[in-house]
C-alpha atoms as a PDB file:
ATOM      1  CA  MET A   1     106.275  98.252-283.850  1.00  0.00           C
ATOM      2  CA  GLY A   2     102.664  97.445-284.726  1.00  0.00           C
ATOM      3  CA  THR A   3      99.934  97.521-282.130  1.00  0.00           C
ATOM      4  CA  MET A   4      99.201  94.252-280.372  1.00  0.00           C
ATOM      5  CA  GLU A   5      95.593  93.132-280.612  1.00  0.00           C
ATOM      6  CA  GLN A   6      94.022  91.707-277.474  1.00  0.00           C
ATOM      7  CA  THR A   7      92.681  88.192-277.898  1.00  0.00           C
ATOM      8  CA  THR A   8      89.850  87.100-275.642  1.00  0.00           C
ATOM      9  CA  VAL A   9      90.303  83.638-274.179  1.00  0.00           C
ATOM     10  CA  VAL A  10      87.600  81.040-274.666  1.00  0.00           C
ATOM     11  CA  LYS A  11      87.087  77.841-272.670  1.00  0.00           C
ATOM     12  CA  GLU A  12      85.404  74.700-273.834  1.00  0.00           C
ATOM     13  CA  MET A  13      82.972  72.950-271.485  1.00  0.00           C
ATOM     14  CA  SER A  14      83.981  69.321-271.196  1.00  0.00           C
ATOM     15  CA  GLU A  15      81.580  66.449-271.675  1.00  0.00           C
ATOM     16  CA  TYR A  16      82.329  65.332-268.111  1.00  0.00           C
ATOM     17  CA  HIS A  17      81.294  68.733-266.721  1.00  0.00           C
ATOM     18  CA  ARG A  18      78.059  68.734-268.735  1.00  0.00           C
ATOM     19  CA  LYS A  19      77.150  65.216-267.581  1.00  0.00           C
ATOM     20  CA  ARG A  20      77.869  66.139-263.991  1.00  0.00           C
ATOM     21  CA  MET A  21      75.525  69.129-264.148  1.00  0.00           C
ATOM     22  CA  TYR A  22      72.861  66.982-265.775  1.00  0.00           C
ATOM     23  CA  SER A  23      73.124  64.395-262.982  1.00  0.00           C
ATOM     24  CA  ASN A  24      72.538  67.158-260.420  1.00  0.00           C
ATOM     25  CA  ILE A  25      69.026  67.547-261.817  1.00  0.00           C
ATOM     26  CA  GLY A  26      68.312  63.961-260.806  1.00  0.00           C
ATOM     27  CA  ARG A  27      69.580  64.617-257.285  1.00  0.00           C
ATOM     28  CA  ASN A  28      67.343  67.651-257.005  1.00  0.00           C
ATOM     29  CA  SER A  29      64.242  65.540-257.653  1.00  0.00           C
ATOM     30  CA  ARG A  30      64.507  64.132-254.115  1.00  0.00           C
ATOM     31  CA  ILE A  31      64.638  67.650-252.651  1.00  0.00           C
ATOM     32  CA  GLU A  32      61.601  68.633-254.748  1.00  0.00           C
ATOM     33  CA  GLU A  33      59.756  65.697-253.210  1.00  0.00           C
ATOM     34  CA  TYR A  34      60.734  66.809-249.695  1.00  0.00           C
ATOM     35  CA  TYR A  35      59.570  70.368-250.347  1.00  0.00           C
ATOM     36  CA  LEU A  36      56.236  69.061-251.598  1.00  0.00           C
ATOM     37  CA  LYS A  37      55.847  66.754-248.596  1.00  0.00           C
ATOM     38  CA  MET A  38      56.643  69.510-246.099  1.00  0.00           C
ATOM     39  CA  LEU A  39      54.342  71.918-247.933  1.00  0.00           C
ATOM     40  CA  ALA A  40      51.448  69.407-247.925  1.00  0.00           C
ATOM     41  CA  ALA A  41      51.919  68.677-244.226  1.00  0.00           C
ATOM     42  CA  GLY A  42      51.947  72.370-243.389  1.00  0.00           C
ATOM     43  CA  ILE A  43      48.731  73.022-245.331  1.00  0.00           C
ATOM     44  CA  VAL A  44      46.802  69.955-244.104  1.00  0.00           C
ATOM     45  CA  LYS A  45      47.775  70.397-240.456  1.00  0.00           C
ATOM     46  CA  LYS A  46      47.449  74.200-240.712  1.00  0.00           C
ATOM     47  CA  ARG A  47      50.849  74.689-239.072  1.00  0.00           C
ATOM     48  CA  MET A  48      52.334  76.842-241.802  1.00  0.00           C
ATOM     49  CA  PRO A  49      51.408  80.548-242.200  1.00  0.00           C
ATOM     50  CA  PRO A  50      50.223  81.674-245.672  1.00  0.00           C
ATOM     51  CA  ASN A  51      53.370  83.728-246.380  1.00  0.00           C
ATOM     52  CA  GLU A  52      55.598  80.717-245.677  1.00  0.00           C
ATOM     53  CA  ILE A  53      53.415  78.541-247.906  1.00  0.00           C
ATOM     54  CA  CYS A  54      53.830  81.049-250.728  1.00  0.00           C
ATOM     55  CA  THR A  55      57.596  81.248-250.208  1.00  0.00           C
ATOM     56  CA  MET A  56      57.998  77.479-250.160  1.00  0.00           C
ATOM     57  CA  ARG A  57      55.970  77.064-253.349  1.00  0.00           C
ATOM     58  CA  LYS A  58      58.217  79.556-255.119  1.00  0.00           C
ATOM     59  CA  ARG A  59      61.354  77.823-253.867  1.00  0.00           C
ATOM     60  CA  MET A  60      60.073  74.447-255.035  1.00  0.00           C
ATOM     61  CA  LYS A  61      59.175  75.836-258.471  1.00  0.00           C
ATOM     62  CA  ARG A  62      62.590  77.443-258.911  1.00  0.00           C
ATOM     63  CA  LEU A  63      64.300  74.227-257.849  1.00  0.00           C
ATOM     64  CA  GLN A  64      62.295  72.245-260.407  1.00  0.00           C
ATOM     65  CA  ASN A  65      63.550  74.465-263.248  1.00  0.00           C
ATOM     66  CA  CYS A  66      67.087  75.010-261.991  1.00  0.00           C
ATOM     67  CA  ASN A  67      69.699  74.781-264.760  1.00  0.00           C
ATOM     68  CA  LYS A  68      67.347  72.880-267.057  1.00  0.00           C
ATOM     69  CA  PHE A  69      67.349  75.440-269.877  1.00  0.00           C
ATOM     70  CA  TRP A  70      70.275  77.419-271.222  1.00  0.00           C
ATOM     71  CA  SER A  71      70.224  80.457-273.468  1.00  0.00           C
ATOM     72  CA  VAL A  72      72.671  79.787-276.312  1.00  0.00           C
ATOM     73  CA  GLU A  73      73.980  81.332-279.513  1.00  0.00           C
ATOM     74  CA  THR A  74      74.494  78.709-282.203  1.00  0.00           C
ATOM     75  CA  TYR A  75      77.049  79.071-284.982  1.00  0.00           C
ATOM     76  CA  GLU A  76      75.875  76.378-287.401  1.00  0.00           C
ATOM     77  CA  ALA A  77      78.765  76.581-289.864  1.00  0.00           C
ATOM     78  CA  SER A  78      81.375  76.503-287.087  1.00  0.00           C
ATOM     79  CA  HIS A  79      79.441  73.867-285.104  1.00  0.00           C
ATOM     80  CA  VAL A  80      79.810  75.955-281.948  1.00  0.00           C
ATOM     81  CA  LYS A  81      77.265  76.672-279.234  1.00  0.00           C
ATOM     82  CA  VAL A  82      78.091  79.564-276.881  1.00  0.00           C
ATOM     83  CA  LEU A  83      76.315  79.488-273.521  1.00  0.00           C
ATOM     84  CA  LEU A  84      74.998  82.930-272.619  1.00  0.00           C
ATOM     85  CA  ARG A  85      72.998  82.336-269.464  1.00  0.00           C
ATOM     86  CA  THR A  86      71.198  79.766-267.412  1.00  0.00           C
ATOM     87  CA  PHE A  87      68.556  79.960-264.693  1.00  0.00           C
ATOM     88  CA  LEU A  88      69.585  78.975-261.172  1.00  0.00           C
ATOM     89  CA  CYS A  89      67.269  78.650-258.180  1.00  0.00           C
ATOM     90  CA  LYS A  90      69.850  79.791-255.562  1.00  0.00           C
ATOM     91  CA  ASP A  91      68.448  77.243-253.078  1.00  0.00           C
ATOM     92  CA  LYS A  92      70.878  76.043-250.390  1.00  0.00           C
ATOM     93  CA  PHE A  93      69.724  72.433-250.954  1.00  0.00           C
ATOM     94  CA  CYS A  94      70.241  72.541-254.718  1.00  0.00           C
ATOM     95  CA  SER A  95      73.144  70.470-256.048  1.00  0.00           C
ATOM     96  CA  ASN A  96      73.586  72.833-259.014  1.00  0.00           C
ATOM     97  CA  CYS A  97      73.702  76.027-256.983  1.00  0.00           C
ATOM     98  CA  ASN A  98      75.870  74.591-254.214  1.00  0.00           C
ATOM     99  CA  GLN A  99      78.454  73.604-256.788  1.00  0.00           C
ATOM    100  CA  MET A 100      78.265  77.022-258.457  1.00  0.00           C
ATOM    101  CA  LYS A 101      78.589  78.820-255.124  1.00  0.00           C
ATOM    102  CA  LYS A 102      81.652  76.761-254.233  1.00  0.00           C
ATOM    103  CA  LEU A 103      83.350  77.644-257.516  1.00  0.00           C
ATOM    104  CA  ILE A 104      82.476  81.327-257.200  1.00  0.00           C
ATOM    105  CA  LEU A 105      83.764  81.489-253.614  1.00  0.00           C
ATOM    106  CA  GLN A 106      87.088  80.077-254.741  1.00  0.00           C
ATOM    107  CA  ASP A 107      87.236  82.387-257.756  1.00  0.00           C
ATOM    108  CA  ARG A 108      86.527  85.516-255.739  1.00  0.00           C
ATOM    109  CA  LEU A 109      88.465  84.825-252.545  1.00  0.00           C
ATOM    110  CA  LEU A 110      91.481  82.786-253.595  1.00  0.00           C
ATOM    111  CA  SER A 111      93.534  85.693-254.952  1.00  0.00           C
ATOM    112  CA  TYR A 112      92.661  87.812-251.911  1.00  0.00           C
ATOM    113  CA  MET A 113      93.745  85.077-249.483  1.00  0.00           C
ATOM    114  CA  GLU A 114      96.975  84.524-251.404  1.00  0.00           C
ATOM    115  CA  GLN A 115      98.178  87.880-250.058  1.00  0.00           C
ATOM    116  CA  TYR A 116      98.444  86.263-246.619  1.00  0.00           C
ATOM    117  CA  LYS A 117      99.636  82.800-247.642  1.00  0.00           C
ATOM    118  CA  ASP A 118     102.816  83.026-245.525  1.00  0.00           C
ATOM    119  CA  SER A 119     100.825  83.643-242.336  1.00  0.00           C
ATOM    120  CA  LEU A 120      97.619  81.733-243.119  1.00  0.00           C
ATOM    121  CA  TYR A 121      96.542  78.875-240.830  1.00  0.00           C
ATOM    122  CA  HIS A 122      93.677  76.409-241.056  1.00  0.00           C
ATOM    123  CA  MET A 123      91.751  75.995-237.816  1.00  0.00           C
ATOM    124  CA  VAL A 124      88.906  73.581-237.132  1.00  0.00           C
ATOM    125  CA  LEU A 125      86.645  74.226-234.132  1.00  0.00           C
ATOM    126  CA  THR A 126      84.101  71.633-233.039  1.00  0.00           C
ATOM    127  CA  VAL A 127      81.462  71.085-230.372  1.00  0.00           C
ATOM    128  CA  PRO A 128      79.772  67.855-229.225  1.00  0.00           C
ATOM    129  CA  ASP A 129      77.241  66.347-231.623  1.00  0.00           C
ATOM    130  CA  CYS A 130      73.621  67.293-231.076  1.00  0.00           C
ATOM    131  CA  GLY A 131      70.172  66.042-231.984  1.00  0.00           C
ATOM    132  CA  GLY A 132      68.019  67.698-234.592  1.00  0.00           C
ATOM    133  CA  GLU A 133      65.912  69.528-232.033  1.00  0.00           C
ATOM    134  CA  ARG A 134      69.030  71.326-230.732  1.00  0.00           C
ATOM    135  CA  LEU A 135      70.755  72.054-234.031  1.00  0.00           C
ATOM    136  CA  LYS A 136      69.371  75.553-234.659  1.00  0.00           C
ATOM    137  CA  ASP A 137      70.221  76.795-231.154  1.00  0.00           C
ATOM    138  CA  THR A 138      73.660  75.147-231.310  1.00  0.00           C
ATOM    139  CA  ILE A 139      74.540  76.891-234.599  1.00  0.00           C
ATOM    140  CA  GLN A 140      73.433  80.286-233.283  1.00  0.00           C
ATOM    141  CA  HIS A 141      75.356  79.812-230.031  1.00  0.00           C
ATOM    142  CA  MET A 142      78.515  78.716-231.884  1.00  0.00           C
ATOM    143  CA  ALA A 143      78.382  81.833-234.081  1.00  0.00           C
ATOM    144  CA  ALA A 144      78.028  84.120-231.049  1.00  0.00           C
ATOM    145  CA  CYS A 145      80.864  82.362-229.212  1.00  0.00           C
ATOM    146  CA  PHE A 146      83.163  82.554-232.216  1.00  0.00           C
ATOM    147  CA  LYS A 147      82.567  86.291-232.482  1.00  0.00           C
ATOM    148  CA  THR A 148      83.574  86.608-228.814  1.00  0.00           C
ATOM    149  CA  LEU A 149      86.661  84.444-229.415  1.00  0.00           C
ATOM    150  CA  VAL A 150      87.776  86.860-232.139  1.00  0.00           C
ATOM    151  CA  THR A 151      87.514  89.823-229.736  1.00  0.00           C
ATOM    152  CA  TYR A 152      89.996  88.082-227.430  1.00  0.00           C
ATOM    153  CA  LEU A 153      92.356  87.111-230.240  1.00  0.00           C
ATOM    154  CA  ASN A 154      92.477  90.650-231.664  1.00  0.00           C
ATOM    155  CA  GLY A 155      92.990  92.241-228.226  1.00  0.00           C
ATOM    156  CA  ASN A 156      89.674  94.079-227.914  1.00  0.00           C
ATOM    157  CA  LYS A 157      89.042  91.936-224.849  1.00  0.00           C
ATOM    158  CA  LYS A 158      91.790  90.643-222.579  1.00  0.00           C
ATOM    159  CA  VAL A 159      92.321  87.883-220.059  1.00  0.00           C
ATOM    160  CA  LYS A 160      94.569  89.019-217.220  1.00  0.00           C
ATOM    161  CA  GLY A 161      97.753  86.968-217.189  1.00  0.00           C
ATOM    162  CA  ILE A 162      97.385  85.586-220.747  1.00  0.00           C
ATOM    163  CA  ASP A 163      98.825  87.357-223.781  1.00  0.00           C
ATOM    164  CA  LEU A 164      96.746  86.292-226.780  1.00  0.00           C
ATOM    165  CA  MET A 165      98.032  89.164-228.907  1.00  0.00           C
ATOM    166  CA  GLN A 166     101.461  87.507-229.121  1.00  0.00           C
ATOM    167  CA  TYR A 167     100.137  85.347-231.975  1.00  0.00           C
ATOM    168  CA  GLY A 168      99.590  88.388-234.200  1.00  0.00           C
ATOM    169  CA  PHE A 169      95.967  87.665-235.112  1.00  0.00           C
ATOM    170  CA  GLN A 170      94.966  89.920-238.035  1.00  0.00           C
ATOM    171  CA  GLY A 171      91.679  88.416-239.138  1.00  0.00           C
ATOM    172  CA  CYS A 172      89.993  85.269-240.389  1.00  0.00           C
ATOM    173  CA  LEU A 173      87.361  83.715-242.615  1.00  0.00           C
ATOM    174  CA  ARG A 174      84.929  81.438-240.795  1.00  0.00           C
ATOM    175  CA  SER A 175      82.982  78.779-242.690  1.00  0.00           C
ATOM    176  CA  LEU A 176      80.177  76.632-241.260  1.00  0.00           C
ATOM    177  CA  GLU A 177      79.840  72.954-242.179  1.00  0.00           C
ATOM    178  CA  ILE A 178      77.293  70.449-240.864  1.00  0.00           C
ATOM    179  CA  THR A 179      77.647  66.712-241.268  1.00  0.00           C
ATOM    180  CA  TYR A 180      75.063  64.246-240.002  1.00  0.00           C
ATOM    181  CA  LYS A 181      74.156  60.603-239.517  1.00  0.00           C
ATOM    182  CA  GLU A 182      70.534  59.734-238.869  1.00  0.00           C
ATOM    183  CA  ASP A 183      69.347  62.320-236.297  1.00  0.00           C
ATOM    184  CA  VAL A 184      72.825  63.177-234.982  1.00  0.00           C
ATOM    185  CA  TYR A 185      74.376  66.397-236.320  1.00  0.00           C
ATOM    186  CA  HIS A 186      77.962  67.608-236.168  1.00  0.00           C
ATOM    187  CA  PRO A 187      78.259  71.376-236.728  1.00  0.00           C
ATOM    188  CA  HIS A 188      81.807  72.720-236.905  1.00  0.00           C
ATOM    189  CA  PHE A 189      83.793  75.679-238.197  1.00  0.00           C
ATOM    190  CA  HIS A 190      86.600  75.700-240.749  1.00  0.00           C
ATOM    191  CA  VAL A 191      88.639  78.863-240.250  1.00  0.00           C
ATOM    192  CA  ALA A 192      91.368  80.498-242.338  1.00  0.00           C
ATOM    193  CA  ALA A 193      93.196  82.645-239.768  1.00  0.00           C
ATOM    194  CA  VAL A 194      95.971  85.156-240.432  1.00  0.00           C
ATOM    195  CA  LEU A 195      98.516  84.876-237.606  1.00  0.00           C
ATOM    196  CA  GLY A 196     101.492  87.200-237.965  1.00  0.00           C
ATOM    197  CA  ASN A 197     103.443  85.228-235.356  1.00  0.00           C
ATOM    198  CA  GLY A 198     102.121  81.826-236.323  1.00  0.00           C
ATOM    199  CA  GLY A 199     105.575  80.279-236.294  1.00  0.00           C
ATOM    200  CA  CYS A 200     105.111  79.409-232.633  1.00  0.00           C
ATOM    201  CA  LEU A 201     102.282  77.080-233.695  1.00  0.00           C
ATOM    202  CA  GLU A 202     104.893  74.790-235.203  1.00  0.00           C
ATOM    203  CA  ASN A 203     106.042  73.750-231.714  1.00  0.00           C
ATOM    204  CA  LYS A 204     103.623  70.872-231.045  1.00  0.00           C
ATOM    205  CA  HIS A 205     104.426  69.440-227.612  1.00  0.00           C
ATOM    206  CA  ILE A 206     101.182  69.124-225.633  1.00  0.00           C
ATOM    207  CA  SER A 207      99.272  65.863-225.310  1.00  0.00           C
ATOM    208  CA  ASN A 208      95.643  65.823-224.143  1.00  0.00           C
ATOM    209  CA  GLU A 209      92.341  64.003-224.643  1.00  0.00           C
ATOM    210  CA  PHE A 210      92.330  64.894-228.367  1.00  0.00           C
ATOM    211  CA  SER A 211      95.821  63.495-229.019  1.00  0.00           C
ATOM    212  CA  ASN A 212      94.556  60.041-230.062  1.00  0.00           C
ATOM    213  CA  HIS A 213      97.108  58.104-228.005  1.00  0.00           C
ATOM    214  CA  GLY A 214      99.942  60.491-228.836  1.00  0.00           C
ATOM    215  CA  LYS A 215      99.366  60.572-232.599  1.00  0.00           C
ATOM    216  CA  ARG A 216      98.586  64.283-232.446  1.00  0.00           C
ATOM    217  CA  LEU A 217     100.339  66.884-230.306  1.00  0.00           C
ATOM    218  CA  PHE A 218      99.222  70.487-229.893  1.00  0.00           C
ATOM    219  CA  SER A 219     100.877  73.880-229.674  1.00  0.00           C
ATOM    220  CA  ASP A 220     100.326  76.280-226.781  1.00  0.00           C
ATOM    221  CA  PHE A 221      97.981  78.275-229.002  1.00  0.00           C
ATOM    222  CA  GLU A 222      95.807  75.246-229.794  1.00  0.00           C
ATOM    223  CA  ALA A 223      95.650  74.156-226.144  1.00  0.00           C
ATOM    224  CA  ILE A 224      94.611  77.638-225.007  1.00  0.00           C
ATOM    225  CA  VAL A 225      91.930  77.983-227.712  1.00  0.00           C
ATOM    226  CA  GLN A 226      90.599  74.499-226.859  1.00  0.00           C
ATOM    227  CA  ARG A 227      90.020  75.645-223.284  1.00  0.00           C
ATOM    228  CA  ILE A 228      88.655  79.098-224.236  1.00  0.00           C
ATOM    229  CA  TRP A 229      86.276  77.519-226.765  1.00  0.00           C
ATOM    230  CA  TRP A 230      84.927  75.149-224.082  1.00  0.00           C
ATOM    231  CA  LEU A 231      84.472  78.007-221.603  1.00  0.00           C
ATOM    232  CA  LEU A 232      82.641  80.159-224.144  1.00  0.00           C
ATOM    233  CA  ILE A 233      80.336  77.381-225.330  1.00  0.00           C
ATOM    234  CA  ASN A 234      79.497  76.429-221.738  1.00  0.00           C
ATOM    235  CA  GLN A 235      79.116  80.078-220.693  1.00  0.00           C
ATOM    236  CA  LYS A 236      81.873  80.030-218.091  1.00  0.00           C
ATOM    237  CA  ARG A 237      84.133  82.914-217.067  1.00  0.00           C
ATOM    238  CA  LEU A 238      87.343  83.448-219.024  1.00  0.00           C
ATOM    239  CA  THR A 239      90.022  83.777-216.365  1.00  0.00           C
ATOM    240  CA  SER A 240      93.666  82.710-216.407  1.00  0.00           C
ATOM    241  CA  ASP A 241      92.891  80.124-213.712  1.00  0.00           C
ATOM    242  CA  ASN A 242      90.107  78.564-215.786  1.00  0.00           C
ATOM    243  CA  ILE A 243      92.226  78.557-218.943  1.00  0.00           C
ATOM    244  CA  LEU A 244      95.555  77.344-217.552  1.00  0.00           C
ATOM    245  CA  ASN A 245      94.617  75.076-214.654  1.00  0.00           C
ATOM    246  CA  ASN A 246      93.926  71.397-215.305  1.00  0.00           C
ATOM    247  CA  SER A 247      90.810  71.207-213.147  1.00  0.00           C
ATOM    248  CA  PRO A 248      88.653  68.106-213.811  1.00  0.00           C
ATOM    249  CA  ASN A 249      85.606  70.394-213.776  1.00  0.00           C
ATOM    250  CA  ILE A 250      86.820  72.349-216.799  1.00  0.00           C
ATOM    251  CA  GLY A 251      87.071  70.637-220.162  1.00  0.00           C
ATOM    252  CA  ARG A 252      88.177  71.323-223.704  1.00  0.00           C
ATOM    253  CA  TYR A 253      86.576  71.230-227.122  1.00  0.00           C
ATOM    254  CA  SER A 254      88.597  70.241-230.142  1.00  0.00           C
ATOM    255  CA  CYS A 255      90.652  72.877-231.932  1.00  0.00           C
ATOM    256  CA  VAL A 256      93.432  72.145-234.411  1.00  0.00           C
ATOM    257  CA  ALA A 257      95.516  74.777-236.182  1.00  0.00           C
ATOM    258  CA  ASP A 258      98.033  73.985-238.919  1.00  0.00           C
ATOM    259  CA  LYS A 259      99.717  75.880-241.727  1.00  0.00           C
ATOM    260  CA  PHE A 260      97.197  76.376-244.515  1.00  0.00           C
ATOM    261  CA  GLN A 261      97.647  73.865-247.337  1.00  0.00           C
ATOM    262  CA  PRO A 262      96.240  74.017-250.906  1.00  0.00           C
ATOM    263  CA  GLU A 263      93.759  71.211-250.118  1.00  0.00           C
ATOM    264  CA  ASP A 264      92.345  73.251-247.229  1.00  0.00           C
ATOM    265  CA  TYR A 265      90.648  75.648-249.653  1.00  0.00           C
ATOM    266  CA  LYS A 266      88.324  72.784-250.576  1.00  0.00           C
ATOM    267  CA  LYS A 267      87.325  72.401-246.918  1.00  0.00           C
ATOM    268  CA  LEU A 268      86.898  76.126-246.351  1.00  0.00           C
ATOM    269  CA  PHE A 269      84.744  76.621-249.448  1.00  0.00           C
ATOM    270  CA  GLY A 270      82.932  73.283-249.205  1.00  0.00           C
ATOM    271  CA  TYR A 271      79.192  72.766-248.946  1.00  0.00           C
ATOM    272  CA  MET A 272      77.477  73.974-245.776  1.00  0.00           C
ATOM    273  CA  THR A 273      75.708  70.623-245.750  1.00  0.00           C
ATOM    274  CA  LYS A 274      75.677  67.727-248.194  1.00  0.00           C
ATOM    275  CA  MET A 275      72.936  65.648-249.743  1.00  0.00           C
ATOM    276  CA  TYR A 276      74.456  62.517-248.216  1.00  0.00           C
ATOM    277  CA  SER A 277      75.114  61.576-244.589  1.00  0.00           C
ATOM    278  CA  GLU A 278      78.454  60.477-243.158  1.00  0.00           C
ATOM    279  CA  ASP A 279      77.643  56.835-243.949  1.00  0.00           C
ATOM    280  CA  ASN A 280      76.914  57.893-247.564  1.00  0.00           C
ATOM    281  CA  SER A 281      73.168  57.328-247.300  1.00  0.00           C
ATOM    282  CA  PRO A 282      70.874  59.907-248.980  1.00  0.00           C
ATOM    283  CA  MET A 283      69.463  62.787-246.986  1.00  0.00           C
ATOM    284  CA  THR A 284      66.166  61.699-245.431  1.00  0.00           C
ATOM    285  CA  TYR A 285      63.019  63.784-245.177  1.00  0.00           C
ATOM    286  CA  GLU A 286      63.641  64.223-241.429  1.00  0.00           C
ATOM    287  CA  ASN A 287      67.200  65.448-242.136  1.00  0.00           C
ATOM    288  CA  PHE A 288      65.822  67.891-244.701  1.00  0.00           C
ATOM    289  CA  LYS A 289      63.228  69.319-242.300  1.00  0.00           C
ATOM    290  CA  THR A 290      65.797  69.762-239.539  1.00  0.00           C
ATOM    291  CA  LEU A 291      68.366  71.421-241.807  1.00  0.00           C
ATOM    292  CA  TYR A 292      65.751  73.578-243.551  1.00  0.00           C
ATOM    293  CA  HIS A 293      64.607  75.168-240.283  1.00  0.00           C
ATOM    294  CA  SER A 294      68.056  75.237-238.646  1.00  0.00           C
ATOM    295  CA  LEU A 295      69.796  76.983-241.574  1.00  0.00           C
ATOM    296  CA  GLU A 296      67.152  79.630-242.233  1.00  0.00           C
ATOM    297  CA  ARG A 297      68.913  83.010-242.530  1.00  0.00           C
ATOM    298  CA  VAL A 298      72.260  81.425-241.575  1.00  0.00           C
ATOM    299  CA  ARG A 299      75.379  82.635-243.390  1.00  0.00           C
ATOM    300  CA  GLN A 300      78.013  80.084-244.247  1.00  0.00           C
ATOM    301  CA  ILE A 301      80.928  82.513-244.663  1.00  0.00           C
ATOM    302  CA  GLN A 302      81.796  85.329-242.267  1.00  0.00           C
ATOM    303  CA  GLY A 303      84.882  87.515-242.360  1.00  0.00           C
ATOM    304  CA  TYR A 304      86.697  89.264-239.502  1.00  0.00           C
ATOM    305  CA  GLY A 305      89.619  91.689-239.347  1.00  0.00           C
ATOM    306  CA  VAL A 306      91.453  91.866-242.685  1.00  0.00           C
ATOM    307  CA  PHE A 307      88.641  89.748-244.169  1.00  0.00           C
ATOM    308  CA  TYR A 308      85.828  91.835-242.674  1.00  0.00           C
ATOM    309  CA  ASN A 309      84.549  93.107-246.033  1.00  0.00           C
ATOM    310  CA  VAL A 310      84.606  89.657-247.604  1.00  0.00           C
ATOM    311  CA  LYS A 311      81.018  88.556-248.140  1.00  0.00           C
ATOM    312  CA  GLU A 312      79.350  85.516-249.598  1.00  0.00           C
ATOM    313  CA  PRO A 313      78.822  86.060-253.340  1.00  0.00           C
ATOM    314  CA  ASN A 314      75.492  87.565-254.278  1.00  0.00           C
ATOM    315  CA  ALA A 315      73.786  85.058-256.536  1.00  0.00           C
ATOM    316  CA  GLU A 316      72.352  87.919-258.581  1.00  0.00           C
ATOM    317  CA  ASN A 317      75.846  89.049-259.629  1.00  0.00           C
ATOM    318  CA  TYR A 318      77.856  85.907-260.305  1.00  0.00           C
ATOM    319  CA  THR A 319      80.823  86.498-262.620  1.00  0.00           C
ATOM    320  CA  GLU A 320      83.291  84.058-264.130  1.00  0.00           C
ATOM    321  CA  HIS A 321      86.396  85.991-265.186  1.00  0.00           C
ATOM    322  CA  ASP A 322      88.130  83.156-266.942  1.00  0.00           C
ATOM    323  CA  PHE A 323      85.189  82.270-269.223  1.00  0.00           C
ATOM    324  CA  GLU A 324      85.129  84.769-272.076  1.00  0.00           C
ATOM    325  CA  VAL A 325      84.114  84.094-275.646  1.00  0.00           C
ATOM    326  CA  LEU A 326      86.257  84.780-278.684  1.00  0.00           C
ATOM    327  CA  GLU A 327      83.404  86.970-279.864  1.00  0.00           C
ATOM    328  CA  SER A 328      85.115  89.012-282.551  1.00  0.00           C
ATOM    329  CA  TYR A 329      86.357  85.885-284.313  1.00  0.00           C
ATOM    330  CA  LEU A 330      82.993  84.144-284.308  1.00  0.00           C
ATOM    331  CA  ALA A 331      81.002  87.239-285.231  1.00  0.00           C
ATOM    332  CA  CYS A 332      83.066  87.974-288.328  1.00  0.00           C
ATOM    333  CA  LYS A 333      82.561  84.433-289.617  1.00  0.00           C
ATOM    334  CA  GLU A 334      78.819  84.102-289.192  1.00  0.00           C
ATOM    335  CA  GLN A 335      75.875  85.392-287.239  1.00  0.00           C
ATOM    336  CA  PRO A 336      74.579  83.171-284.439  1.00  0.00           C
ATOM    337  CA  VAL A 337      71.031  81.947-283.845  1.00  0.00           C
ATOM    338  CA  THR A 338      69.931  82.671-280.274  1.00  0.00           C
ATOM    339  CA  SER A 339      67.624  80.169-278.559  1.00  0.00           C
ATOM    340  CA  TYR A 340      66.780  78.455-275.287  1.00  0.00           C
ATOM    341  CA  GLU A 341      67.660  74.782-275.131  1.00  0.00           C
ATOM    342  CA  PRO A 342      67.297  72.112-272.431  1.00  0.00           C
ATOM    343  CA  LEU A 343      70.442  70.904-270.714  1.00  0.00           C
ATOM    344  CA  SER A 344      69.855  67.416-272.121  1.00  0.00           C
ATOM    345  CA  HIS A 345      70.794  68.777-275.584  1.00  0.00           C
ATOM    346  CA  PHE A 346      74.356  69.308-274.361  1.00  0.00           C
ATOM    347  CA  VAL A 347      74.944  65.808-273.001  1.00  0.00           C
ATOM    348  CA  GLY A 348      76.393  63.278-275.436  1.00  0.00           C
ATOM    349  CA  GLU A 349      77.809  63.696-278.909  1.00  0.00           C
ATOM    350  CA  ASN A 350      75.909  66.335-280.851  1.00  0.00           C
ATOM    351  CA  GLY A 351      78.564  67.588-283.269  1.00  0.00           C
ATOM    352  CA  TYR A 352      78.939  70.947-281.517  1.00  0.00           C
ATOM    353  CA  THR A 353      81.715  72.415-279.435  1.00  0.00           C
ATOM    354  CA  VAL A 354      80.215  74.016-276.325  1.00  0.00           C
ATOM    355  CA  LEU A 355      81.805  77.209-275.008  1.00  0.00           C
ATOM    356  CA  LYS A 356      81.124  79.218-271.841  1.00  0.00           C
ATOM    357  CA  THR A 357      81.032  83.009-271.883  1.00  0.00           C
ATOM    358  CA  SER A 358      80.647  85.609-269.159  1.00  0.00           C
ATOM    359  CA  ARG A 359      78.725  87.874-271.535  1.00  0.00           C
ATOM    360  CA  LYS A 360      75.039  88.277-270.642  1.00  0.00           C
ATOM    361  CA  ASN A 361      75.597  85.902-267.782  1.00  0.00           C
ATOM    362  CA  LYS A 362      72.972  87.054-265.292  1.00  0.00           C
ATOM    363  CA  ILE A 363      71.347  84.083-263.628  1.00  0.00           C
END
């Protein structure tokens, strides 16, 4: 039997995908304007230290050039352009980079999470909405409280009289999302939790203030976490009396937990914040300022337990496994011409097939 030659797979970039990336440049122009406005205010009013001024200028410059020029190899006879690399700004307010990060998160984590698909549950934890002046402190407090919640779920801390280990918690991925409307912000966590004994979550029989007139019932696990989450956020003691008793002085914060569905990956790996508010109006300058300061040095994704070593992708080392060029075929036909071209050259009919390769793909 003859030897089988390996054929590298190549993927064509659709016209729709190219137009979508090009439209992101237009969306970024508003964020450029906000950076400039905040920078000018900081300089004129002398409220911004020199090092922050320098950092903001660099961020604004990178955002201006994000994804505008691509390095390509052109095969004139074959009418093929192979994309080698682009330049991304890695800014958390950039439409290009947010979309790239979302795709990379899915690419890197999906196969790992599939190992636990039979015991994977989607949890959503919320707190009351807050104003912009409280957003930064609220996010930090939520992160600290969630870390404490995990120590109770994994058994490192215990509440006398309550067996939280019965649910078989093995680990989770926690993702932060912030929605907003005017100056009201809604931070919440999407969580992919591995529960070895999650079958008991299927018994939904408890009605409470989050049941929406009986439309939603909760399992024992959800009801307990609702109470624990409230106690942690409000810095109250975690005792069996506080968790189990229905005292009017002790409340609950919303927690839902359901079997993980394919559409939940989109929520888990979604944007930390969007360029549009909940009423679909564009992000205002005041929204931008609040989110800029509140999200400084904040990680969107955090892993615990079996997901402890899962980190957010490093933008310096993005890889796209499924985009590889059929290099040997193209090279034996003709030699390419390497150049840098603006993204606008790839939008519309230009007679070339556009391919994406992972070769030389540093960004």
